PDB file of N, CA and C in Angstrom:
ATOM      1  N   MET A   1      -5.307 -12.180  -5.428  1.00  0.00           N
ATOM      2  CA  MET A   1      -4.808 -11.247  -6.407  1.00  0.00           C
ATOM      3  C   MET A   1      -3.407 -10.762  -6.047  1.00  0.00           C
ATOM      4  N   ALA A   2      -3.145 -10.532  -4.777  1.00  0.00           N
ATOM      5  CA  ALA A   2      -1.827 -10.049  -4.359  1.00  0.00           C
ATOM      6  C   ALA A   2      -0.737 -11.047  -4.716  1.00  0.00           C
ATOM      7  N   GLN A   3      -1.029 -12.353  -4.582  1.00  0.00           N
ATOM      8  CA  GLN A   3      -0.042 -13.374  -4.930  1.00  0.00           C
ATOM      9  C   GLN A   3       0.254 -13.361  -6.424  1.00  0.00           C
ATOM     10  N   GLU A   4      -0.782 -13.180  -7.248  1.00  0.00           N
ATOM     11  CA  GLU A   4      -0.584 -13.106  -8.693  1.00  0.00           C
ATOM     12  C   GLU A   4       0.290 -11.908  -9.054  1.00  0.00           C
ATOM     13  N   LEU A   5       0.019 -10.768  -8.426  1.00  0.00           N
ATOM     14  CA  LEU A   5       0.810  -9.570  -8.698  1.00  0.00           C
ATOM     15  C   LEU A   5       2.253  -9.759  -8.284  1.00  0.00           C
ATOM     16  N   MET A   6       2.473 -10.386  -7.154  1.00  0.00           N
ATOM     17  CA  MET A   6       3.835 -10.603  -6.695  1.00  0.00           C
ATOM     18  C   MET A   6       4.572 -11.569  -7.621  1.00  0.00           C
ATOM     19  N   ALA A   7       3.862 -12.561  -8.159  1.00  0.00           N
ATOM     20  CA  ALA A   7       4.491 -13.491  -9.098  1.00  0.00           C
ATOM     21  C   ALA A   7       4.917 -12.742 -10.354  1.00  0.00           C
ATOM     22  N   ILE A   8       4.063 -11.870 -10.856  1.00  0.00           N
ATOM     23  CA  ILE A   8       4.402 -11.068 -12.026  1.00  0.00           C
ATOM     24  C   ILE A   8       5.517 -10.095 -11.681  1.00  0.00           C
ATOM     25  N   GLY A   9       5.483  -9.570 -10.481  1.00  0.00           N
ATOM     26  CA  GLY A   9       6.445  -8.568 -10.068  1.00  0.00           C
ATOM     27  C   GLY A   9       7.812  -9.092  -9.668  1.00  0.00           C
ATOM     28  N   LYS A  10       8.038 -10.396  -9.747  1.00  0.00           N
ATOM     29  CA  LYS A  10       9.337 -10.951  -9.364  1.00  0.00           C
ATOM     30  C   LYS A  10      10.477 -10.372 -10.195  1.00  0.00           C
ATOM     31  N   GLY A  11      10.185 -10.010 -11.435  1.00  0.00           N
ATOM     32  CA  GLY A  11      11.212  -9.424 -12.287  1.00  0.00           C
ATOM     33  C   GLY A  11      11.519  -7.976 -11.934  1.00  0.00           C
ATOM     34  N   ILE A  12      10.679  -7.379 -11.122  1.00  0.00           N
ATOM     35  CA  ILE A  12      10.882  -5.993 -10.720  1.00  0.00           C
ATOM     36  C   ILE A  12      11.757  -6.001  -9.483  1.00  0.00           C
ATOM     37  N   LYS A  13      12.922  -5.410  -9.594  1.00  0.00           N
ATOM     38  CA  LYS A  13      13.942  -5.526  -8.557  1.00  0.00           C
ATOM     39  C   LYS A  13      13.627  -4.705  -7.318  1.00  0.00           C
ATOM     40  N   GLY A  14      14.284  -5.096  -6.231  1.00  0.00           N
ATOM     41  CA  GLY A  14      14.061  -4.466  -4.943  1.00  0.00           C
ATOM     42  C   GLY A  14      14.316  -2.972  -4.915  1.00  0.00           C
ATOM     43  N   ALA A  15      15.329  -2.495  -5.624  1.00  0.00           N
ATOM     44  CA  ALA A  15      15.635  -1.068  -5.616  1.00  0.00           C
ATOM     45  C   ALA A  15      14.470  -0.270  -6.177  1.00  0.00           C
ATOM     46  N   LEU A  16      13.847  -0.793  -7.238  1.00  0.00           N
ATOM     47  CA  LEU A  16      12.706  -0.105  -7.820  1.00  0.00           C
ATOM     48  C   LEU A  16      11.572  -0.042  -6.820  1.00  0.00           C
ATOM     49  N   LEU A  17      11.283  -1.163  -6.191  1.00  0.00           N
ATOM     50  CA  LEU A  17      10.199  -1.178  -5.217  1.00  0.00           C
ATOM     51  C   LEU A  17      10.515  -0.293  -4.022  1.00  0.00           C
ATOM     52  N   ALA A  18      11.771  -0.251  -3.609  1.00  0.00           N
ATOM     53  CA  ALA A  18      12.129   0.580  -2.461  1.00  0.00           C
ATOM     54  C   ALA A  18      11.881   2.054  -2.761  1.00  0.00           C
ATOM     55  N   LEU A  19      12.217   2.504  -3.971  1.00  0.00           N
ATOM     56  CA  LEU A  19      12.035   3.910  -4.325  1.00  0.00           C
ATOM     57  C   LEU A  19      10.585   4.238  -4.641  1.00  0.00           C
ATOM     58  N   PHE A  20       9.950   3.416  -5.458  1.00  0.00           N
ATOM     59  CA  PHE A  20       8.605   3.711  -5.927  1.00  0.00           C
ATOM     60  C   PHE A  20       7.506   3.124  -5.046  1.00  0.00           C
ATOM     61  N   ALA A  21       7.872   2.260  -4.113  1.00  0.00           N
ATOM     62  CA  ALA A  21       6.868   1.595  -3.296  1.00  0.00           C
ATOM     63  C   ALA A  21       7.360   1.395  -1.868  1.00  0.00           C
ATOM     64  N   PRO A  22       7.316   2.451  -1.071  1.00  0.00           N
ATOM     65  CA  PRO A  22       7.843   2.350   0.286  1.00  0.00           C
ATOM     66  C   PRO A  22       7.022   1.485   1.240  1.00  0.00           C
ATOM     67  N   ASP A  23       5.813   1.112   0.840  1.00  0.00           N
ATOM     68  CA  ASP A  23       4.996   0.245   1.687  1.00  0.00           C
ATOM     69  C   ASP A  23       4.288  -0.794   0.818  1.00  0.00           C
ATOM     70  N   ALA A  24       3.608  -1.722   1.446  1.00  0.00           N
ATOM     71  CA  ALA A  24       2.994  -2.841   0.713  1.00  0.00           C
ATOM     72  C   ALA A  24       1.931  -2.365  -0.277  1.00  0.00           C
ATOM     73  N   LYS A  25       1.138  -1.389   0.117  1.00  0.00           N
ATOM     74  CA  LYS A  25       0.089  -0.901  -0.775  1.00  0.00           C
ATOM     75  C   LYS A  25       0.695  -0.225  -2.005  1.00  0.00           C
ATOM     76  N   ALA A  26       1.722   0.570  -1.795  1.00  0.00           N
ATOM     77  CA  ALA A  26       2.397   1.229  -2.918  1.00  0.00           C
ATOM     78  C   ALA A  26       3.091   0.198  -3.804  1.00  0.00           C
ATOM     79  N   ALA A  27       3.638  -0.858  -3.199  1.00  0.00           N
ATOM     80  CA  ALA A  27       4.271  -1.922  -3.989  1.00  0.00           C
ATOM     81  C   ALA A  27       3.242  -2.586  -4.894  1.00  0.00           C
ATOM     82  N   GLU A  28       2.084  -2.839  -4.366  1.00  0.00           N
ATOM     83  CA  GLU A  28       1.021  -3.447  -5.164  1.00  0.00           C
ATOM     84  C   GLU A  28       0.614  -2.518  -6.310  1.00  0.00           C
ATOM     85  N   ARG A  29       0.488  -1.205  -6.030  1.00  0.00           N
ATOM     86  CA  ARG A  29       0.148  -0.243  -7.086  1.00  0.00           C
ATOM     87  C   ARG A  29       1.233  -0.197  -8.157  1.00  0.00           C
ATOM     88  N   THR A  30       2.494  -0.259  -7.742  1.00  0.00           N
ATOM     89  CA  THR A  30       3.600  -0.216  -8.698  1.00  0.00           C
ATOM     90  C   THR A  30       3.565  -1.438  -9.602  1.00  0.00           C
ATOM     91  N   ILE A  31       3.375  -2.601  -9.022  1.00  0.00           N
ATOM     92  CA  ILE A  31       3.315  -3.828  -9.816  1.00  0.00           C
ATOM     93  C   ILE A  31       2.083  -3.817 -10.714  1.00  0.00           C
ATOM     94  N   GLU A  32       0.957  -3.338 -10.194  1.00  0.00           N
ATOM     95  CA  GLU A  32      -0.239  -3.224 -11.017  1.00  0.00           C
ATOM     96  C   GLU A  32       0.011  -2.287 -12.197  1.00  0.00           C
ATOM     97  N   PHE A  33       0.707  -1.182 -11.935  1.00  0.00           N
ATOM     98  CA  PHE A  33       1.014  -0.250 -13.010  1.00  0.00           C
ATOM     99  C   PHE A  33       1.814  -0.945 -14.105  1.00  0.00           C
ATOM    100  N   PHE A  34       2.866  -1.646 -13.723  1.00  0.00           N
ATOM    101  CA  PHE A  34       3.700  -2.313 -14.717  1.00  0.00           C
ATOM    102  C   PHE A  34       2.911  -3.352 -15.495  1.00  0.00           C
ATOM    103  N   THR A  35       2.024  -4.067 -14.837  1.00  0.00           N
ATOM    104  CA  THR A  35       1.311  -5.147 -15.514  1.00  0.00           C
ATOM    105  C   THR A  35       0.106  -4.641 -16.305  1.00  0.00           C
ATOM    106  N   ALA A  36      -0.584  -3.626 -15.821  1.00  0.00           N
ATOM    107  CA  ALA A  36      -1.791  -3.150 -16.494  1.00  0.00           C
ATOM    108  C   ALA A  36      -1.495  -2.112 -17.571  1.00  0.00           C
ATOM    109  N   GLN A  37      -0.512  -1.279 -17.368  1.00  0.00           N
ATOM    110  CA  GLN A  37      -0.236  -0.198 -18.309  1.00  0.00           C
ATOM    111  C   GLN A  37       0.758  -0.597 -19.396  1.00  0.00           C
ATOM    112  N   ILE A  38       1.621  -1.540 -19.104  1.00  0.00           N
ATOM    113  CA  ILE A  38       2.623  -1.959 -20.081  1.00  0.00           C
ATOM    114  C   ILE A  38       2.294  -3.399 -20.471  1.00  0.00           C
ATOM    115  N   ARG A  39       1.576  -3.548 -21.556  1.00  0.00           N
ATOM    116  CA  ARG A  39       1.057  -4.857 -21.932  1.00  0.00           C
ATOM    117  C   ARG A  39       2.106  -5.766 -22.578  1.00  0.00           C
ATOM    118  N   ASN A  40       3.048  -5.198 -23.306  1.00  0.00           N
ATOM    119  CA  ASN A  40       4.057  -6.003 -23.981  1.00  0.00           C
ATOM    120  C   ASN A  40       5.082  -6.501 -22.954  1.00  0.00           C
ATOM    121  N   PRO A  41       5.255  -7.822 -22.814  1.00  0.00           N
ATOM    122  CA  PRO A  41       6.162  -8.339 -21.790  1.00  0.00           C
ATOM    123  C   PRO A  41       7.626  -7.940 -22.000  1.00  0.00           C
ATOM    124  N   ASN A  42       8.046  -7.776 -23.246  1.00  0.00           N
ATOM    125  CA  ASN A  42       9.426  -7.367 -23.491  1.00  0.00           C
ATOM    126  C   ASN A  42       9.664  -5.923 -23.073  1.00  0.00           C
ATOM    127  N   ILE A  43       8.714  -5.062 -23.386  1.00  0.00           N
ATOM    128  CA  ILE A  43       8.831  -3.659 -22.969  1.00  0.00           C
ATOM    129  C   ILE A  43       8.739  -3.572 -21.453  1.00  0.00           C
ATOM    130  N   ARG A  44       7.835  -4.373 -20.862  1.00  0.00           N
ATOM    131  CA  ARG A  44       7.703  -4.382 -19.401  1.00  0.00           C
ATOM    132  C   ARG A  44       9.032  -4.731 -18.737  1.00  0.00           C
ATOM    133  N   LYS A  45       9.702  -5.760 -19.254  1.00  0.00           N
ATOM    134  CA  LYS A  45      10.993  -6.159 -18.683  1.00  0.00           C
ATOM    135  C   LYS A  45      12.041  -5.068 -18.867  1.00  0.00           C
ATOM    136  N   ALA A  46      12.084  -4.485 -20.060  1.00  0.00           N
ATOM    137  CA  ALA A  46      13.074  -3.438 -20.332  1.00  0.00           C
ATOM    138  C   ALA A  46      12.836  -2.218 -19.444  1.00  0.00           C
ATOM    139  N   TYR A  47      11.582  -1.816 -19.296  1.00  0.00           N
ATOM    140  CA  TYR A  47      11.267  -0.664 -18.449  1.00  0.00           C
ATOM    141  C   TYR A  47      11.551  -0.977 -16.979  1.00  0.00           C
ATOM    142  N   ALA A  48      11.203  -2.179 -16.549  1.00  0.00           N
ATOM    143  CA  ALA A  48      11.468  -2.558 -15.158  1.00  0.00           C
ATOM    144  C   ALA A  48      12.963  -2.553 -14.878  1.00  0.00           C
ATOM    145  N   ARG A  49      13.745  -3.073 -15.821  1.00  0.00           N
ATOM    146  CA  ARG A  49      15.200  -3.096 -15.658  1.00  0.00           C
ATOM    147  C   ARG A  49      15.758  -1.664 -15.625  1.00  0.00           C
ATOM    148  N   ALA A  50      15.302  -0.824 -16.546  1.00  0.00           N
ATOM    149  CA  ALA A  50      15.782   0.562 -16.598  1.00  0.00           C
ATOM    150  C   ALA A  50      15.384   1.326 -15.342  1.00  0.00           C
ATOM    151  N   ALA A  51      14.144   1.167 -14.908  1.00  0.00           N
ATOM    152  CA  ALA A  51      13.686   1.863 -13.703  1.00  0.00           C
ATOM    153  C   ALA A  51      14.412   1.341 -12.465  1.00  0.00           C
ATOM    154  N   SER A  52      14.697   0.048 -12.437  1.00  0.00           N
ATOM    155  CA  SER A  52      15.447  -0.533 -11.318  1.00  0.00           C
ATOM    156  C   SER A  52      16.864   0.031 -11.257  1.00  0.00           C
ATOM    157  N   GLU A  53      17.485   0.178 -12.424  1.00  0.00           N
ATOM    158  CA  GLU A  53      18.833   0.759 -12.460  1.00  0.00           C
ATOM    159  C   GLU A  53      18.819   2.208 -11.989  1.00  0.00           C
ATOM    160  N   PHE A  54      17.786   2.948 -12.375  1.00  0.00           N
ATOM    161  CA  PHE A  54      17.661   4.329 -11.903  1.00  0.00           C
ATOM    162  C   PHE A  54      17.449   4.359 -10.395  1.00  0.00           C
ATOM    163  N   ALA A  55      16.598   3.478  -9.897  1.00  0.00           N
ATOM    164  CA  ALA A  55      16.338   3.423  -8.459  1.00  0.00           C
ATOM    165  C   ALA A  55      17.604   3.068  -7.687  1.00  0.00           C
ATOM    166  N   ALA A  56      18.400   2.148  -8.230  1.00  0.00           N
ATOM    167  CA  ALA A  56      19.671   1.784  -7.588  1.00  0.00           C
ATOM    168  C   ALA A  56      20.624   2.982  -7.586  1.00  0.00           C
ATOM    169  N   TRP A  57      20.662   3.713  -8.692  1.00  0.00           N
ATOM    170  CA  TRP A  57      21.498   4.915  -8.780  1.00  0.00           C
ATOM    171  C   TRP A  57      21.058   5.936  -7.734  1.00  0.00           C
ATOM    172  N   CYS A  58      19.747   6.106  -7.600  1.00  0.00           N
ATOM    173  CA  CYS A  58      19.221   7.028  -6.587  1.00  0.00           C
ATOM    174  C   CYS A  58      19.662   6.609  -5.190  1.00  0.00           C
ATOM    175  N   ALA A  59      19.556   5.331  -4.894  1.00  0.00           N
ATOM    176  CA  ALA A  59      19.957   4.830  -3.580  1.00  0.00           C
ATOM    177  C   ALA A  59      21.443   5.084  -3.330  1.00  0.00           C
ATOM    178  N   GLU A  60      22.265   4.874  -4.358  1.00  0.00           N
ATOM    179  CA  GLU A  60      23.701   5.131  -4.226  1.00  0.00           C
ATOM    180  C   GLU A  60      23.998   6.600  -3.949  1.00  0.00           C
ATOM    181  N   HIS A  61      23.100   7.470  -4.386  1.00  0.00           N
ATOM    182  CA  HIS A  61      23.289   8.906  -4.203  1.00  0.00           C
ATOM    183  C   HIS A  61      22.444   9.470  -3.058  1.00  0.00           C
ATOM    184  N   GLY A  62      21.968   8.582  -2.197  1.00  0.00           N
ATOM    185  CA  GLY A  62      21.294   8.998  -0.973  1.00  0.00           C
ATOM    186  C   GLY A  62      19.829   9.360  -1.104  1.00  0.00           C
ATOM    187  N   MET A  63      19.217   9.038  -2.226  1.00  0.00           N
ATOM    188  CA  MET A  63      17.789   9.324  -2.404  1.00  0.00           C
ATOM    189  C   MET A  63      17.019   8.027  -2.233  1.00  0.00           C
ATOM    190  N   VAL A  64      16.254   7.944  -1.176  1.00  0.00           N
ATOM    191  CA  VAL A  64      15.530   6.711  -0.889  1.00  0.00           C
ATOM    192  C   VAL A  64      14.024   6.862  -1.039  1.00  0.00           C
ATOM    193  N   THR A  65      13.554   8.096  -1.255  1.00  0.00           N
ATOM    194  CA  THR A  65      12.129   8.324  -1.489  1.00  0.00           C
ATOM    195  C   THR A  65      11.958   9.158  -2.749  1.00  0.00           C
ATOM    196  N   LEU A  66      10.819   9.019  -3.387  1.00  0.00           N
ATOM    197  CA  LEU A  66      10.555   9.802  -4.587  1.00  0.00           C
ATOM    198  C   LEU A  66      10.555  11.297  -4.313  1.00  0.00           C
ATOM    199  N   GLY A  67      10.173  11.676  -3.115  1.00  0.00           N
ATOM    200  CA  GLY A  67      10.148  13.094  -2.761  1.00  0.00           C
ATOM    201  C   GLY A  67      11.524  13.751  -2.821  1.00  0.00           C
ATOM    202  N   GLN A  68      12.556  12.952  -2.743  1.00  0.00           N
ATOM    203  CA  GLN A  68      13.913  13.486  -2.798  1.00  0.00           C
ATOM    204  C   GLN A  68      14.423  13.640  -4.229  1.00  0.00           C
ATOM    205  N   VAL A  69      13.786  12.982  -5.170  1.00  0.00           N
ATOM    206  CA  VAL A  69      14.242  12.995  -6.560  1.00  0.00           C
ATOM    207  C   VAL A  69      13.740  14.264  -7.243  1.00  0.00           C
ATOM    208  N   ARG A  70      14.663  14.992  -7.834  1.00  0.00           N
ATOM    209  CA  ARG A  70      14.357  16.230  -8.547  1.00  0.00           C
ATOM    210  C   ARG A  70      14.755  16.064 -10.013  1.00  0.00           C
ATOM    211  N   PRO A  71      14.232  16.913 -10.888  1.00  0.00           N
ATOM    212  CA  PRO A  71      14.618  16.833 -12.301  1.00  0.00           C
ATOM    213  C   PRO A  71      16.129  16.868 -12.518  1.00  0.00           C
ATOM    214  N   VAL A  72      16.848  17.606 -11.704  1.00  0.00           N
ATOM    215  CA  VAL A  72      18.300  17.670 -11.853  1.00  0.00           C
ATOM    216  C   VAL A  72      18.943  16.302 -11.616  1.00  0.00           C
ATOM    217  N   HIS A  73      18.360  15.496 -10.744  1.00  0.00           N
ATOM    218  CA  HIS A  73      18.882  14.151 -10.499  1.00  0.00           C
ATOM    219  C   HIS A  73      18.671  13.258 -11.726  1.00  0.00           C
ATOM    220  N   ILE A  74      17.500  13.363 -12.321  1.00  0.00           N
ATOM    221  CA  ILE A  74      17.216  12.577 -13.520  1.00  0.00           C
ATOM    222  C   ILE A  74      18.161  12.994 -14.642  1.00  0.00           C
ATOM    223  N   SER A  75      18.368  14.295 -14.765  1.00  0.00           N
ATOM    224  CA  SER A  75      19.299  14.793 -15.786  1.00  0.00           C
ATOM    225  C   SER A  75      20.712  14.272 -15.568  1.00  0.00           C
ATOM    226  N   ALA A  76      21.161  14.277 -14.325  1.00  0.00           N
ATOM    227  CA  ALA A  76      22.506  13.780 -14.021  1.00  0.00           C
ATOM    228  C   ALA A  76      22.616  12.296 -14.345  1.00  0.00           C
ATOM    229  N   TYR A  77      21.583  11.540 -14.034  1.00  0.00           N
ATOM    230  CA  TYR A  77      21.579  10.109 -14.327  1.00  0.00           C
ATOM    231  C   TYR A  77      21.659   9.871 -15.840  1.00  0.00           C
ATOM    232  N   ILE A  78      20.815  10.569 -16.585  1.00  0.00           N
ATOM    233  CA  ILE A  78      20.784  10.412 -18.045  1.00  0.00           C
ATOM    234  C   ILE A  78      22.109  10.860 -18.652  1.00  0.00           C
ATOM    235  N   GLU A  79      22.663  11.946 -18.154  1.00  0.00           N
ATOM    236  CA  GLU A  79      23.960  12.428 -18.645  1.00  0.00           C
ATOM    237  C   GLU A  79      25.040  11.361 -18.454  1.00  0.00           C
ATOM    238  N   GLY A  80      25.036  10.719 -17.308  1.00  0.00           N
ATOM    239  CA  GLY A  80      26.000   9.648 -17.053  1.00  0.00           C
ATOM    240  C   GLY A  80      25.808   8.460 -17.981  1.00  0.00           C
ATOM    241  N   LEU A  81      24.539   8.144 -18.279  1.00  0.00           N
ATOM    242  CA  LEU A  81      24.258   7.022 -19.182  1.00  0.00           C
ATOM    243  C   LEU A  81      24.761   7.293 -20.592  1.00  0.00           C
ATOM    244  N   GLN A  82      24.716   8.555 -21.002  1.00  0.00           N
ATOM    245  CA  GLN A  82      25.118   8.894 -22.367  1.00  0.00           C
ATOM    246  C   GLN A  82      26.575   8.541 -22.647  1.00  0.00           C
ATOM    247  N   HIS A  83      27.362   8.421 -21.602  1.00  0.00           N
ATOM    248  CA  HIS A  83      28.772   8.072 -21.766  1.00  0.00           C
ATOM    249  C   HIS A  83      29.002   6.565 -21.698  1.00  0.00           C
ATOM    250  N   LYS A  84      27.949   5.808 -21.375  1.00  0.00           N
ATOM    251  CA  LYS A  84      28.105   4.366 -21.160  1.00  0.00           C
ATOM    252  C   LYS A  84      27.365   3.505 -22.179  1.00  0.00           C
ATOM    253  N   ILE A  85      26.188   3.970 -22.611  1.00  0.00           N
ATOM    254  CA  ILE A  85      25.353   3.127 -23.477  1.00  0.00           C
ATOM    255  C   ILE A  85      24.912   3.911 -24.713  1.00  0.00           C
ATOM    256  N   ALA A  86      24.383   3.195 -25.697  1.00  0.00           N
ATOM    257  CA  ALA A  86      23.951   3.788 -26.963  1.00  0.00           C
ATOM    258  C   ALA A  86      22.726   4.686 -26.762  1.00  0.00           C
ATOM    259  N   GLU A  87      22.574   5.638 -27.677  1.00  0.00           N
ATOM    260  CA  GLU A  87      21.485   6.610 -27.581  1.00  0.00           C
ATOM    261  C   GLU A  87      20.096   5.974 -27.492  1.00  0.00           C
ATOM    262  N   PRO A  88      19.787   4.941 -28.292  1.00  0.00           N
ATOM    263  CA  PRO A  88      18.460   4.326 -28.141  1.00  0.00           C
ATOM    264  C   PRO A  88      18.228   3.743 -26.740  1.00  0.00           C
ATOM    265  N   SER A  89      19.273   3.216 -26.139  1.00  0.00           N
ATOM    266  CA  SER A  89      19.147   2.680 -24.779  1.00  0.00           C
ATOM    267  C   SER A  89      18.944   3.796 -23.765  1.00  0.00           C
ATOM    268  N   VAL A  90      19.616   4.915 -23.972  1.00  0.00           N
ATOM    269  CA  VAL A  90      19.430   6.072 -23.089  1.00  0.00           C
ATOM    270  C   VAL A  90      17.980   6.545 -23.180  1.00  0.00           C
ATOM    271  N   LYS A  91      17.453   6.601 -24.403  1.00  0.00           N
ATOM    272  CA  LYS A  91      16.060   7.019 -24.592  1.00  0.00           C
ATOM    273  C   LYS A  91      15.091   6.057 -23.911  1.00  0.00           C
ATOM    274  N   LEU A  92      15.403   4.766 -23.971  1.00  0.00           N
ATOM    275  CA  LEU A  92      14.570   3.783 -23.293  1.00  0.00           C
ATOM    276  C   LEU A  92      14.575   4.040 -21.787  1.00  0.00           C
ATOM    277  N   HIS A  93      15.752   4.306 -21.220  1.00  0.00           N
ATOM    278  CA  HIS A  93      15.849   4.585 -19.783  1.00  0.00           C
ATOM    279  C   HIS A  93      15.013   5.811 -19.417  1.00  0.00           C
ATOM    280  N   LEU A  94      15.141   6.861 -20.210  1.00  0.00           N
ATOM    281  CA  LEU A  94      14.385   8.073 -19.930  1.00  0.00           C
ATOM    282  C   LEU A  94      12.887   7.823 -20.039  1.00  0.00           C
ATOM    283  N   ALA A  95      12.470   7.089 -21.059  1.00  0.00           N
ATOM    284  CA  ALA A  95      11.049   6.762 -21.213  1.00  0.00           C
ATOM    285  C   ALA A  95      10.543   5.936 -20.033  1.00  0.00           C
ATOM    286  N   ALA A  96      11.353   4.996 -19.561  1.00  0.00           N
ATOM    287  CA  ALA A  96      10.953   4.168 -18.421  1.00  0.00           C
ATOM    288  C   ALA A  96      10.799   5.014 -17.164  1.00  0.00           C
ATOM    289  N   ILE A  97      11.736   5.930 -16.948  1.00  0.00           N
ATOM    290  CA  ILE A  97      11.656   6.799 -15.767  1.00  0.00           C
ATOM    291  C   ILE A  97      10.408   7.669 -15.848  1.00  0.00           C
ATOM    292  N   ARG A  98      10.180   8.271 -16.999  1.00  0.00           N
ATOM    293  CA  ARG A  98       8.979   9.106 -17.177  1.00  0.00           C
ATOM    294  C   ARG A  98       7.717   8.287 -16.952  1.00  0.00           C
ATOM    295  N   CYS A  99       7.702   7.103 -17.535  1.00  0.00           N
ATOM    296  CA  CYS A  99       6.549   6.222 -17.411  1.00  0.00           C
ATOM    297  C   CYS A  99       6.278   5.888 -15.943  1.00  0.00           C
ATOM    298  N   CYS A 100       7.320   5.556 -15.217  1.00  0.00           N
ATOM    299  CA  CYS A 100       7.169   5.215 -13.803  1.00  0.00           C
ATOM    300  C   CYS A 100       6.702   6.415 -12.985  1.00  0.00           C
ATOM    301  N   LEU A 101       7.313   7.552 -13.212  1.00  0.00           N
ATOM    302  CA  LEU A 101       6.939   8.739 -12.449  1.00  0.00           C
ATOM    303  C   LEU A 101       5.516   9.163 -12.746  1.00  0.00           C
ATOM    304  N   THR A 102       5.141   9.131 -14.015  1.00  0.00           N
ATOM    305  CA  THR A 102       3.776   9.499 -14.395  1.00  0.00           C
ATOM    306  C   THR A 102       2.787   8.475 -13.876  1.00  0.00           C
ATOM    307  N   GLY A 103       3.090   7.205 -14.063  1.00  0.00           N
ATOM    308  CA  GLY A 103       2.193   6.141 -13.616  1.00  0.00           C
ATOM    309  C   GLY A 103       2.048   6.101 -12.118  1.00  0.00           C
ATOM    310  N   TRP A 104       3.158   6.317 -11.426  1.00  0.00           N
ATOM    311  CA  TRP A 104       3.125   6.261  -9.963  1.00  0.00           C
ATOM    312  C   TRP A 104       2.306   7.416  -9.415  1.00  0.00           C
ATOM    313  N   SER A 105       2.506   8.617  -9.956  1.00  0.00           N
ATOM    314  CA  SER A 105       1.798   9.772  -9.414  1.00  0.00           C
ATOM    315  C   SER A 105       0.306   9.686  -9.718  1.00  0.00           C
ATOM    316  N   SER A 106      -0.065   9.102 -10.858  1.00  0.00           N
ATOM    317  CA  SER A 106      -1.488   8.982 -11.173  1.00  0.00           C
ATOM    318  C   SER A 106      -2.141   7.829 -10.410  1.00  0.00           C
ATOM    319  N   ALA A 107      -1.337   6.876  -9.917  1.00  0.00           N
ATOM    320  CA  ALA A 107      -1.890   5.732  -9.186  1.00  0.00           C
ATOM    321  C   ALA A 107      -2.135   6.061  -7.724  1.00  0.00           C
ATOM    322  N   ARG A 108      -1.586   7.161  -7.242  1.00  0.00           N
ATOM    323  CA  ARG A 108      -1.741   7.498  -5.826  1.00  0.00           C
ATOM    324  C   ARG A 108      -3.136   7.880  -5.487  1.00  0.00           C
TER     325      ARG A 108
END
């Protein structure tokens, strides 16, 4: 089963796994969350990409664990996106972040 999850999770980038999955068990839960909770493959890819970009942004700003991420950080990230991408894309990013945070905390 772990090999199947990793094959599905190949599209989920390292930054996302580093932030949301600091160990192998958490990585498996994160990949399971993406595959079991998000059934549409296009939405799964879009959310994985958005969450990966957020995780990369967090890493650039010195946040390497979820415990370091605060609502103000998410707000700053979204505020920055509003100047770069269209509103529907910003909403997708926010939905992906919420989805990941909610899914991750309930999977623990």
